[in-house]
N, C-alpha and C. Protein backbone atom coordinates (compact mmCIF):
# COMPACT_ATOMS: atom_id res chain seq x y z
N MET A 1 -63.21 -47.94 -13.04
CA MET A 1 -61.65 -48.48 -12.79
C MET A 1 -61.16 -48.89 -13.94
N PRO A 2 -59.81 -48.31 -14.71
CA PRO A 2 -59.27 -48.47 -15.97
C PRO A 2 -58.85 -49.84 -16.12
N ALA A 3 -58.75 -50.48 -16.83
CA ALA A 3 -58.25 -51.89 -17.04
C ALA A 3 -56.77 -51.93 -16.31
N GLU A 4 -56.31 -53.08 -16.20
CA GLU A 4 -54.80 -53.08 -15.60
C GLU A 4 -53.91 -53.48 -16.91
N ARG A 5 -53.13 -52.37 -17.10
CA ARG A 5 -51.91 -52.22 -18.18
C ARG A 5 -51.24 -53.51 -18.32
N HIS A 6 -51.05 -54.14 -19.80
CA HIS A 6 -50.02 -55.24 -19.51
C HIS A 6 -48.80 -55.14 -20.31
N TYR A 7 -47.81 -54.93 -19.62
CA TYR A 7 -46.63 -54.56 -20.22
C TYR A 7 -45.55 -55.66 -21.26
N LYS A 8 -44.91 -55.19 -22.18
CA LYS A 8 -44.12 -56.02 -22.70
C LYS A 8 -42.91 -55.69 -22.40
N LYS A 9 -42.03 -57.15 -22.73
CA LYS A 9 -40.90 -56.64 -22.48
C LYS A 9 -39.79 -55.62 -23.25
N PRO A 10 -38.95 -54.47 -22.49
CA PRO A 10 -38.53 -53.66 -23.72
C PRO A 10 -37.65 -54.01 -24.67
N THR A 11 -38.00 -53.93 -25.81
CA THR A 11 -36.58 -54.27 -26.95
C THR A 11 -36.26 -52.90 -27.79
N GLU A 12 -35.25 -52.99 -28.13
CA GLU A 12 -34.79 -51.91 -28.82
C GLU A 12 -35.83 -51.28 -29.97
N GLU A 13 -36.53 -51.73 -30.38
CA GLU A 13 -37.44 -51.53 -31.62
C GLU A 13 -38.44 -51.32 -30.94
N ARG A 14 -39.26 -51.34 -29.92
CA ARG A 14 -40.14 -51.17 -29.04
C ARG A 14 -40.20 -49.25 -28.48
N LEU A 15 -38.53 -49.69 -27.98
CA LEU A 15 -38.16 -48.47 -27.21
C LEU A 15 -38.04 -47.35 -28.49
N LEU A 16 -37.60 -47.70 -29.45
CA LEU A 16 -37.23 -46.87 -30.76
C LEU A 16 -38.64 -45.82 -31.30
N ARG A 17 -39.47 -47.11 -31.05
CA ARG A 17 -40.58 -46.52 -31.56
C ARG A 17 -41.74 -45.39 -30.44
N ALA A 18 -41.24 -46.03 -29.02
CA ALA A 18 -41.96 -45.16 -28.44
C ALA A 18 -41.43 -43.67 -28.41
N ALA A 19 -39.81 -43.71 -28.76
CA ALA A 19 -39.06 -42.22 -28.73
C ALA A 19 -39.53 -41.41 -29.71
N VAL A 20 -39.43 -42.00 -30.84
CA VAL A 20 -39.92 -41.14 -32.26
C VAL A 20 -41.45 -40.60 -31.82
N HIS A 21 -42.37 -41.65 -31.47
CA HIS A 21 -43.77 -41.21 -31.14
C HIS A 21 -43.84 -40.12 -30.22
N TYR A 22 -42.64 -40.27 -29.23
CA TYR A 22 -43.01 -39.04 -28.16
C TYR A 22 -42.11 -37.94 -28.92
N LEU A 23 -41.30 -38.01 -29.81
CA LEU A 23 -40.69 -36.74 -30.40
C LEU A 23 -41.36 -36.07 -31.64
N GLU A 24 -42.42 -37.03 -32.26
CA GLU A 24 -43.45 -36.56 -33.05
C GLU A 24 -44.37 -35.62 -32.24
N ARG A 25 -44.32 -35.49 -30.94
CA ARG A 25 -45.74 -34.57 -30.68
C ARG A 25 -44.77 -33.65 -29.75
N PHE A 26 -43.00 -33.69 -28.93
CA PHE A 26 -43.05 -33.05 -28.20
C PHE A 26 -41.91 -32.45 -28.41
N ALA A 27 -40.94 -31.36 -28.38
CA ALA A 27 -39.76 -31.19 -28.67
C ALA A 27 -39.15 -31.64 -27.45
N SER A 28 -37.77 -31.84 -27.57
CA SER A 28 -37.28 -32.26 -26.14
C SER A 28 -35.68 -32.54 -26.27
N THR A 29 -35.15 -32.43 -24.99
CA THR A 29 -33.81 -32.56 -24.90
C THR A 29 -33.43 -34.00 -24.92
N GLU A 30 -31.99 -34.33 -25.23
CA GLU A 30 -31.21 -35.64 -25.04
C GLU A 30 -31.65 -36.55 -23.42
N ALA A 31 -31.33 -35.21 -22.26
CA ALA A 31 -31.96 -35.71 -21.22
C ALA A 31 -33.12 -36.09 -21.00
N ASN A 32 -33.72 -35.13 -21.44
CA ASN A 32 -35.50 -35.29 -21.13
C ASN A 32 -35.69 -36.46 -21.63
N LEU A 33 -35.65 -36.84 -23.04
CA LEU A 33 -35.85 -37.83 -23.84
C LEU A 33 -35.38 -39.20 -22.89
N ARG A 34 -33.97 -39.34 -22.51
CA ARG A 34 -33.81 -40.24 -21.82
C ARG A 34 -34.30 -40.55 -20.36
N LYS A 35 -35.45 -39.44 -19.72
CA LYS A 35 -35.60 -39.18 -18.62
C LYS A 35 -37.14 -40.07 -19.06
N VAL A 36 -37.80 -40.10 -20.13
CA VAL A 36 -38.80 -40.53 -20.40
C VAL A 36 -39.00 -41.82 -20.77
N LEU A 37 -37.98 -42.15 -21.70
CA LEU A 37 -37.47 -43.78 -22.08
C LEU A 37 -37.01 -44.59 -20.69
N ASP A 38 -36.51 -44.01 -19.69
CA ASP A 38 -36.03 -44.36 -18.32
C ASP A 38 -37.40 -44.92 -17.68
N ARG A 39 -38.21 -44.19 -17.82
CA ARG A 39 -39.45 -44.00 -17.14
C ARG A 39 -40.45 -45.48 -17.60
N LYS A 40 -40.48 -45.44 -19.11
CA LYS A 40 -41.05 -46.48 -19.39
C LYS A 40 -40.53 -47.86 -19.16
N VAL A 41 -39.40 -48.11 -19.50
CA VAL A 41 -38.59 -49.13 -19.16
C VAL A 41 -38.84 -49.53 -17.57
N TYR A 42 -38.51 -48.57 -16.57
CA TYR A 42 -39.18 -48.69 -15.39
C TYR A 42 -40.09 -49.19 -14.94
N ARG A 43 -41.21 -48.91 -15.71
CA ARG A 43 -42.44 -49.58 -15.28
C ARG A 43 -42.68 -50.83 -15.83
N ALA A 44 -41.78 -50.99 -17.14
CA ALA A 44 -42.45 -52.29 -17.70
C ALA A 44 -41.30 -53.35 -17.01
N CYS A 45 -40.37 -52.73 -16.31
CA CYS A 45 -39.26 -53.80 -15.27
C CYS A 45 -40.25 -54.28 -14.47
N GLN A 46 -41.01 -53.28 -13.55
CA GLN A 46 -41.38 -53.22 -12.55
C GLN A 46 -42.35 -54.40 -12.65
N ALA A 47 -43.23 -54.64 -13.67
CA ALA A 47 -44.45 -55.68 -14.24
C ALA A 47 -44.38 -56.56 -14.28
N LEU A 48 -43.18 -56.76 -14.53
CA LEU A 48 -42.62 -58.23 -14.98
C LEU A 48 -41.40 -58.71 -14.37
N ASP A 49 -40.96 -57.94 -13.12
CA ASP A 49 -39.66 -58.60 -12.55
C ASP A 49 -38.41 -58.78 -13.02
N LEU A 50 -38.09 -57.29 -13.76
CA LEU A 50 -36.65 -57.49 -14.54
C LEU A 50 -36.07 -56.22 -14.06
N ASP A 51 -34.73 -56.62 -14.04
CA ASP A 51 -33.67 -55.46 -13.57
C ASP A 51 -33.36 -53.86 -14.74
N PRO A 52 -34.16 -53.09 -14.27
CA PRO A 52 -34.09 -51.86 -15.08
C PRO A 52 -32.49 -51.33 -15.56
N GLY A 53 -31.74 -52.05 -14.54
CA GLY A 53 -30.38 -51.91 -15.37
C GLY A 53 -29.55 -52.55 -16.70
N ASP A 54 -30.37 -53.53 -16.76
CA ASP A 54 -30.07 -54.26 -17.95
C ASP A 54 -30.54 -53.63 -18.89
N PHE A 55 -31.18 -52.69 -19.44
CA PHE A 55 -31.39 -51.96 -20.74
C PHE A 55 -31.02 -50.76 -20.74
N ALA A 56 -29.47 -50.15 -19.64
CA ALA A 56 -29.29 -49.05 -20.09
C ALA A 56 -28.10 -48.67 -20.91
N GLU A 57 -27.74 -49.88 -21.21
CA GLU A 57 -27.10 -49.57 -22.87
C GLU A 57 -27.72 -49.70 -24.07
N MET A 58 -29.24 -49.75 -24.10
CA MET A 58 -30.39 -50.32 -24.78
C MET A 58 -30.75 -48.55 -25.16
N LEU A 59 -30.71 -48.17 -23.93
CA LEU A 59 -31.51 -46.53 -23.81
C LEU A 59 -30.29 -45.58 -24.74
N ASP A 60 -29.08 -45.84 -24.25
CA ASP A 60 -27.77 -45.14 -24.26
C ASP A 60 -27.97 -45.11 -26.06
N THR A 61 -28.14 -46.32 -26.60
CA THR A 61 -28.11 -46.68 -27.73
C THR A 61 -29.58 -45.90 -28.99
N ILE A 62 -30.53 -46.09 -28.44
CA ILE A 62 -31.31 -45.26 -28.97
C ILE A 62 -31.42 -43.76 -28.69
N VAL A 63 -30.78 -43.31 -27.77
CA VAL A 63 -30.78 -41.51 -27.30
C VAL A 63 -29.94 -41.08 -28.44
N GLU A 64 -28.82 -41.95 -28.49
CA GLU A 64 -27.62 -41.63 -29.48
C GLU A 64 -28.21 -41.43 -31.21
N LYS A 65 -29.31 -42.36 -31.26
CA LYS A 65 -29.52 -42.40 -32.30
C LYS A 65 -30.31 -41.50 -32.74
N CYS A 66 -31.41 -40.90 -31.86
CA CYS A 66 -32.17 -40.01 -32.08
C CYS A 66 -31.68 -38.86 -32.14
N VAL A 67 -30.17 -38.67 -31.47
CA VAL A 67 -29.57 -37.00 -31.49
C VAL A 67 -28.68 -37.52 -32.99
N ARG A 68 -28.11 -38.66 -33.29
CA ARG A 68 -27.24 -38.72 -34.61
C ARG A 68 -28.18 -38.40 -35.73
N THR A 69 -29.58 -38.65 -35.39
CA THR A 69 -30.72 -38.10 -37.01
C THR A 69 -31.07 -37.00 -36.43
N GLY A 70 -30.58 -36.52 -35.70
CA GLY A 70 -31.52 -34.70 -35.91
C GLY A 70 -32.75 -34.61 -35.29
N MET A 71 -33.34 -35.92 -34.85
CA MET A 71 -34.63 -35.79 -33.86
C MET A 71 -34.32 -34.95 -32.51
N VAL A 72 -33.41 -34.92 -32.23
CA VAL A 72 -32.99 -33.95 -30.73
C VAL A 72 -31.90 -33.33 -30.88
N ASN A 73 -32.13 -32.04 -30.46
CA ASN A 73 -30.99 -31.21 -30.94
C ASN A 73 -31.06 -30.14 -29.82
N ASP A 74 -30.29 -30.15 -28.65
CA ASP A 74 -30.41 -29.67 -27.41
C ASP A 74 -30.45 -27.89 -27.48
N LEU A 75 -29.55 -27.61 -28.48
CA LEU A 75 -29.16 -26.43 -28.77
C LEU A 75 -30.63 -25.88 -29.61
N GLY A 76 -31.13 -26.29 -30.66
CA GLY A 76 -32.21 -25.95 -31.30
C GLY A 76 -33.26 -26.03 -29.56
N PHE A 77 -33.65 -26.94 -29.18
CA PHE A 77 -34.73 -26.96 -28.40
C PHE A 77 -34.68 -25.63 -27.37
N ALA A 78 -33.62 -25.15 -26.87
CA ALA A 78 -32.93 -24.06 -25.77
C ALA A 78 -33.46 -23.10 -26.19
N GLU A 79 -32.70 -23.17 -27.90
CA GLU A 79 -33.46 -21.32 -28.43
C GLU A 79 -34.51 -21.43 -28.35
N MET A 80 -35.54 -22.35 -29.29
CA MET A 80 -36.86 -22.14 -29.69
C MET A 80 -37.88 -22.14 -27.99
N LYS A 81 -37.28 -22.63 -26.91
CA LYS A 81 -38.24 -22.79 -25.70
C LYS A 81 -38.09 -21.08 -25.21
N PHE A 82 -36.27 -20.43 -25.65
CA PHE A 82 -35.99 -19.72 -25.00
C PHE A 82 -36.95 -18.06 -25.65
N ALA A 83 -37.12 -18.64 -26.95
CA ALA A 83 -38.13 -17.31 -27.48
C ALA A 83 -39.52 -17.51 -27.32
N SER A 84 -39.86 -18.62 -27.33
CA SER A 84 -40.99 -19.05 -26.68
C SER A 84 -41.95 -18.12 -25.35
N LEU A 85 -40.90 -18.55 -24.79
CA LEU A 85 -41.21 -18.09 -23.71
C LEU A 85 -40.72 -16.76 -22.66
N ARG A 86 -40.09 -16.28 -23.91
CA ARG A 86 -39.99 -14.91 -23.75
C ARG A 86 -40.82 -13.76 -24.05
N ARG A 87 -41.30 -14.38 -25.43
CA ARG A 87 -42.34 -14.00 -25.79
C ARG A 87 -43.62 -13.79 -24.96
N ARG A 88 -43.84 -14.64 -24.13
CA ARG A 88 -44.93 -14.86 -23.32
C ARG A 88 -44.91 -13.91 -22.19
N GLY A 89 -43.33 -13.35 -21.93
CA GLY A 89 -43.22 -12.39 -20.63
C GLY A 89 -42.53 -13.06 -19.65
N GLN A 90 -41.86 -13.67 -19.79
CA GLN A 90 -41.17 -14.71 -19.13
C GLN A 90 -39.61 -14.20 -18.45
N SER A 91 -39.62 -13.91 -17.49
CA SER A 91 -38.05 -13.52 -16.92
C SER A 91 -36.69 -14.62 -17.32
N LYS A 92 -35.80 -13.90 -17.54
CA LYS A 92 -34.63 -14.79 -17.98
C LYS A 92 -34.44 -15.59 -16.66
N LYS A 93 -34.08 -15.24 -15.55
CA LYS A 93 -34.30 -16.57 -14.50
C LYS A 93 -34.88 -17.46 -14.48
N LYS A 94 -36.39 -17.35 -14.64
CA LYS A 94 -37.58 -18.33 -14.44
C LYS A 94 -37.59 -19.31 -16.00
N ILE A 95 -36.84 -18.73 -17.08
CA ILE A 95 -36.68 -19.74 -18.36
C ILE A 95 -35.14 -20.10 -17.98
N GLU A 96 -34.25 -19.65 -17.37
CA GLU A 96 -33.16 -20.33 -17.28
C GLU A 96 -33.30 -21.65 -16.38
N ALA A 97 -34.34 -21.50 -15.44
CA ALA A 97 -34.84 -22.40 -14.27
C ALA A 97 -35.41 -23.60 -15.05
N GLN A 98 -36.30 -23.53 -16.08
CA GLN A 98 -37.23 -24.24 -16.46
C GLN A 98 -35.93 -25.01 -17.51
N LEU A 99 -35.20 -24.27 -18.57
CA LEU A 99 -34.55 -25.30 -19.36
C LEU A 99 -33.58 -26.07 -18.92
N ARG A 100 -32.64 -25.66 -17.54
CA ARG A 100 -32.01 -26.65 -16.55
C ARG A 100 -32.95 -28.06 -16.21
N ALA A 101 -34.31 -27.78 -16.08
CA ALA A 101 -34.86 -28.73 -15.76
C ALA A 101 -34.89 -29.60 -16.45
N LYS A 102 -35.35 -29.12 -17.80
CA LYS A 102 -35.38 -30.04 -18.86
C LYS A 102 -34.04 -30.59 -19.38
N GLY A 103 -33.01 -30.33 -18.56
CA GLY A 103 -32.02 -30.98 -19.34
C GLY A 103 -31.07 -30.60 -20.03
N VAL A 104 -30.87 -29.07 -20.21
CA VAL A 104 -30.02 -28.39 -21.67
C VAL A 104 -29.08 -28.40 -20.56
N PRO A 105 -27.83 -29.11 -21.39
CA PRO A 105 -26.26 -28.57 -20.67
C PRO A 105 -26.09 -27.28 -20.50
N PRO A 106 -25.14 -26.84 -19.36
CA PRO A 106 -24.72 -25.52 -18.89
C PRO A 106 -23.90 -24.70 -20.04
N GLN A 107 -23.24 -25.25 -21.04
CA GLN A 107 -22.67 -24.66 -22.02
C GLN A 107 -23.99 -24.17 -23.07
N ILE A 108 -24.79 -25.18 -23.36
CA ILE A 108 -25.83 -24.50 -24.29
C ILE A 108 -26.21 -23.73 -23.70
N LEU A 109 -26.83 -23.56 -22.42
CA LEU A 109 -27.65 -22.79 -21.30
C LEU A 109 -26.33 -21.43 -21.62
N GLU A 110 -25.51 -21.45 -21.11
CA GLU A 110 -24.98 -20.01 -21.15
C GLU A 110 -24.97 -19.24 -22.74
N THR A 111 -25.01 -20.02 -23.87
CA THR A 111 -24.58 -20.10 -25.24
C THR A 111 -26.35 -18.92 -25.27
N VAL A 112 -26.91 -19.70 -25.27
CA VAL A 112 -28.36 -19.23 -25.42
C VAL A 112 -28.78 -17.58 -24.82
N LEU A 113 -28.38 -17.54 -23.48
CA LEU A 113 -28.85 -16.69 -22.43
C LEU A 113 -27.83 -15.41 -22.86
N ALA A 114 -26.75 -15.86 -23.45
CA ALA A 114 -25.74 -15.14 -24.08
C ALA A 114 -25.84 -14.13 -25.22
N GLU A 115 -27.12 -14.77 -26.37
CA GLU A 115 -27.28 -14.41 -27.28
C GLU A 115 -28.57 -13.78 -27.16
N ASP A 116 -29.21 -13.63 -25.83
CA ASP A 116 -30.30 -12.84 -25.73
C ASP A 116 -30.22 -11.39 -25.89
N THR A 117 -31.24 -10.64 -26.78
CA THR A 117 -31.15 -9.27 -26.74
C THR A 117 -32.21 -8.77 -26.38
N SER A 118 -33.28 -9.40 -26.06
CA SER A 118 -34.35 -8.78 -25.34
C SER A 118 -34.17 -8.25 -24.19
N ASP A 119 -35.58 -7.25 -24.21
CA ASP A 119 -34.93 -6.36 -22.84
C ASP A 119 -36.07 -6.85 -21.29
N GLU A 120 -35.52 -7.10 -20.54
CA GLU A 120 -36.15 -7.75 -19.53
C GLU A 120 -37.34 -6.81 -19.16
N LEU A 121 -37.16 -5.11 -18.87
CA LEU A 121 -38.43 -4.69 -18.86
C LEU A 121 -39.61 -4.94 -20.34
N ASP A 122 -39.57 -5.40 -21.35
CA ASP A 122 -40.04 -5.72 -22.20
C ASP A 122 -41.07 -6.41 -21.96
N ALA A 123 -40.27 -7.64 -21.15
CA ALA A 123 -40.91 -9.08 -20.91
C ALA A 123 -41.63 -8.69 -19.99
N ALA A 124 -41.47 -8.12 -18.66
CA ALA A 124 -41.73 -7.70 -17.31
C ALA A 124 -43.42 -7.08 -17.85
N ALA A 125 -43.40 -6.30 -18.89
CA ALA A 125 -44.37 -5.41 -19.45
C ALA A 125 -45.54 -6.79 -19.89
N ARG A 126 -45.18 -7.33 -20.82
CA ARG A 126 -45.82 -8.12 -21.17
C ARG A 126 -46.39 -9.48 -20.23
N TYR A 127 -45.81 -9.94 -19.43
CA TYR A 127 -46.10 -10.64 -18.07
C TYR A 127 -47.25 -9.63 -17.48
N ALA A 128 -47.02 -8.69 -17.12
CA ALA A 128 -48.14 -7.97 -15.95
C ALA A 128 -49.20 -7.53 -16.90
N LYS A 129 -49.43 -7.57 -18.64
CA LYS A 129 -50.31 -7.47 -19.43
C LYS A 129 -50.92 -8.45 -19.43
N ARG A 130 -50.27 -9.98 -19.22
CA ARG A 130 -50.95 -11.01 -19.73
C ARG A 130 -51.64 -11.28 -18.44
N ARG A 131 -50.94 -11.05 -16.97
CA ARG A 131 -51.79 -11.10 -15.72
C ARG A 131 -52.55 -10.30 -15.55
N ARG A 132 -52.71 -9.06 -15.93
CA ARG A 132 -53.32 -8.00 -15.79
C ARG A 132 -53.01 -7.18 -14.24
N PHE A 133 -51.51 -6.69 -14.49
CA PHE A 133 -51.04 -6.13 -13.26
C PHE A 133 -50.95 -4.85 -13.54
N GLY A 134 -50.71 -4.24 -12.57
CA GLY A 134 -50.24 -2.69 -12.23
C GLY A 134 -51.34 -1.63 -13.59
N PRO A 135 -50.75 -1.21 -14.11
CA PRO A 135 -51.35 -0.39 -15.05
C PRO A 135 -52.60 -0.93 -16.31
N PHE A 136 -52.20 -2.35 -16.32
CA PHE A 136 -53.51 -3.26 -17.23
C PHE A 136 -54.40 -3.46 -16.56
N ALA A 137 -54.75 -3.57 -14.78
CA ALA A 137 -55.42 -3.97 -13.73
C ALA A 137 -56.82 -2.86 -13.89
N ASP A 138 -57.69 -3.20 -13.64
CA ASP A 138 -58.60 -2.50 -13.31
C ASP A 138 -58.34 -1.15 -12.06
N PRO A 139 -58.44 0.02 -12.89
CA PRO A 139 -57.98 1.06 -12.30
C PRO A 139 -58.67 1.36 -10.87
N ALA A 140 -59.58 0.87 -10.29
CA ALA A 140 -60.18 1.25 -9.45
C ALA A 140 -59.63 0.29 -8.04
N LYS A 141 -58.95 -0.93 -8.48
CA LYS A 141 -57.93 -2.02 -7.45
C LYS A 141 -57.13 -1.80 -7.79
N ARG A 142 -56.34 -0.69 -8.59
CA ARG A 142 -54.89 -0.91 -8.63
C ARG A 142 -54.08 -0.31 -7.49
N ALA A 143 -54.14 0.11 -6.74
CA ALA A 143 -54.02 0.96 -5.74
C ALA A 143 -53.78 -0.35 -4.54
N ASP A 144 -54.82 -0.87 -4.45
CA ASP A 144 -55.01 -2.00 -3.29
C ASP A 144 -54.42 -3.03 -4.11
N ARG A 145 -53.94 -3.42 -4.78
CA ARG A 145 -53.63 -4.73 -5.17
C ARG A 145 -51.70 -4.24 -5.81
N ARG A 146 -51.58 -2.86 -5.18
CA ARG A 146 -50.13 -2.73 -5.87
C ARG A 146 -48.89 -3.59 -5.07
N THR A 147 -49.14 -4.20 -3.85
CA THR A 147 -47.83 -5.08 -3.21
C THR A 147 -48.25 -6.19 -3.49
N LYS A 148 -49.42 -6.79 -3.72
CA LYS A 148 -49.25 -8.48 -4.13
C LYS A 148 -49.04 -8.61 -6.01
N ASP A 149 -49.53 -7.20 -6.54
CA ASP A 149 -48.69 -7.28 -8.49
C ASP A 149 -47.25 -7.66 -7.92
N LEU A 150 -46.60 -6.62 -7.07
CA LEU A 150 -45.18 -6.66 -7.06
C LEU A 150 -44.62 -7.90 -6.72
N ALA A 151 -45.10 -8.39 -5.77
CA ALA A 151 -44.90 -9.84 -5.33
C ALA A 151 -44.69 -10.51 -6.27
N ALA A 152 -45.94 -10.87 -7.04
CA ALA A 152 -46.05 -11.85 -8.11
C ALA A 152 -44.79 -11.88 -9.26
N MET A 153 -44.44 -10.27 -9.69
CA MET A 153 -43.64 -10.07 -10.49
C MET A 153 -42.38 -10.35 -9.97
N CYS A 154 -42.35 -10.41 -8.63
CA CYS A 154 -40.67 -10.60 -8.39
C CYS A 154 -40.70 -12.28 -7.88
N ARG A 155 -42.03 -12.99 -7.60
CA ARG A 155 -41.77 -14.40 -7.89
C ARG A 155 -41.41 -15.08 -9.05
N ALA A 156 -41.93 -13.98 -10.36
CA ALA A 156 -41.90 -14.64 -11.56
C ALA A 156 -40.44 -14.32 -11.60
N GLY A 157 -39.23 -13.73 -10.95
CA GLY A 157 -38.23 -14.21 -11.53
C GLY A 157 -37.73 -12.73 -11.87
N PHE A 158 -38.37 -11.22 -11.67
CA PHE A 158 -38.00 -10.32 -12.36
C PHE A 158 -37.31 -9.59 -10.89
N ASP A 159 -36.57 -8.71 -11.18
CA ASP A 159 -36.08 -7.98 -10.02
C ASP A 159 -36.63 -6.93 -9.68
N TYR A 160 -36.87 -6.28 -8.15
CA TYR A 160 -37.66 -5.36 -7.65
C TYR A 160 -37.45 -4.14 -8.51
N GLU A 161 -36.74 -3.74 -8.85
CA GLU A 161 -37.05 -2.23 -9.91
C GLU A 161 -37.33 -2.43 -10.93
N THR A 162 -37.12 -3.52 -11.85
CA THR A 162 -38.45 -3.97 -12.97
C THR A 162 -39.69 -4.18 -12.93
N ALA A 163 -39.75 -5.06 -11.67
CA ALA A 163 -41.04 -4.97 -11.16
C ALA A 163 -41.81 -3.38 -10.64
N ARG A 164 -41.37 -2.80 -9.96
CA ARG A 164 -41.73 -1.69 -9.70
C ARG A 164 -41.70 -0.47 -10.77
N ARG A 165 -41.09 -0.43 -11.66
CA ARG A 165 -41.10 0.34 -13.06
C ARG A 165 -42.50 -0.32 -13.35
N VAL A 166 -42.86 -1.40 -13.69
CA VAL A 166 -44.14 -1.74 -14.56
C VAL A 166 -45.08 -1.66 -13.91
N ILE A 167 -45.16 -2.03 -12.54
CA ILE A 167 -46.43 -1.87 -11.76
C ILE A 167 -46.70 -0.39 -11.47
N ASP A 168 -45.83 0.43 -11.45
CA ASP A 168 -46.05 1.97 -10.89
C ASP A 168 -46.18 2.47 -12.40
N GLY A 169 -45.87 2.08 -13.62
CA GLY A 169 -45.85 2.62 -14.89
C GLY A 169 -47.32 2.96 -15.23
N ASP A 170 -47.33 3.52 -16.73
CA ASP A 170 -48.60 3.33 -17.31
C ASP A 170 -48.59 3.22 -18.57
N VAL A 171 -49.66 2.63 -18.71
CA VAL A 171 -49.92 1.69 -19.97
C VAL A 171 -48.93 2.34 -21.15
N ASP A 172 -49.03 3.59 -21.59
CA ASP A 172 -48.58 4.12 -23.07
C ASP A 172 -47.27 4.50 -22.78
N GLU A 173 -46.73 4.30 -22.06
CA GLU A 173 -45.00 4.34 -21.41
C GLU A 173 -44.93 2.89 -21.44
N LEU A 174 -45.33 2.07 -21.08
CA LEU A 174 -44.83 0.45 -21.27
C LEU A 174 -45.05 0.22 -22.69
N THR A 175 -46.38 0.53 -23.43
CA THR A 175 -46.60 -0.21 -24.73
C THR A 175 -45.82 0.38 -25.85
N ASN A 176 -45.35 1.75 -25.26
CA ASN A 176 -44.41 2.41 -26.47
C ASN A 176 -42.82 1.60 -26.14
N GLU A 177 -42.59 1.27 -25.28
CA GLU A 177 -41.10 0.25 -25.30
C GLU A 177 -41.01 -1.08 -25.41
N THR A 178 -42.53 -1.74 -25.61
CA THR A 178 -42.48 -3.41 -26.20
C THR A 178 -42.74 -3.24 -27.22
């Protein structure tokens, strides 16, 4: 059994160090950084019988400092994450949901989605190739798995027509388009 954790009272210096340490490892949005620090303060306050509300102003100051110094950039994060997920074959709908969950503000999300020039069919083909659906599957099992592959593509956020075109397409047709 792991040893019991010993918490120290949250100070601006400790929280700033925690924020920098987190941002060294992960790209983050302003809202996500606030959530991470909030959790850290909450755990310490629970262990030390303190009120987490007393540290709200301190959290605001630290997050603002991180934004001001450029360690946190919501637009840069959204653009980077969108491009990364698109290369992996994610649908626009799924990417939008993930960015919303990370706390990207709606106006930045709209900007990033409007700047997208990639094709949904290309992303669907990449997704199918990665998951070995449709034309990328074992030819002996392709017909048997058609319905399941279509359902998986739709759950991944692709519309039915795009999913059908990929699942019923052939490898040469799809790889020439991507």
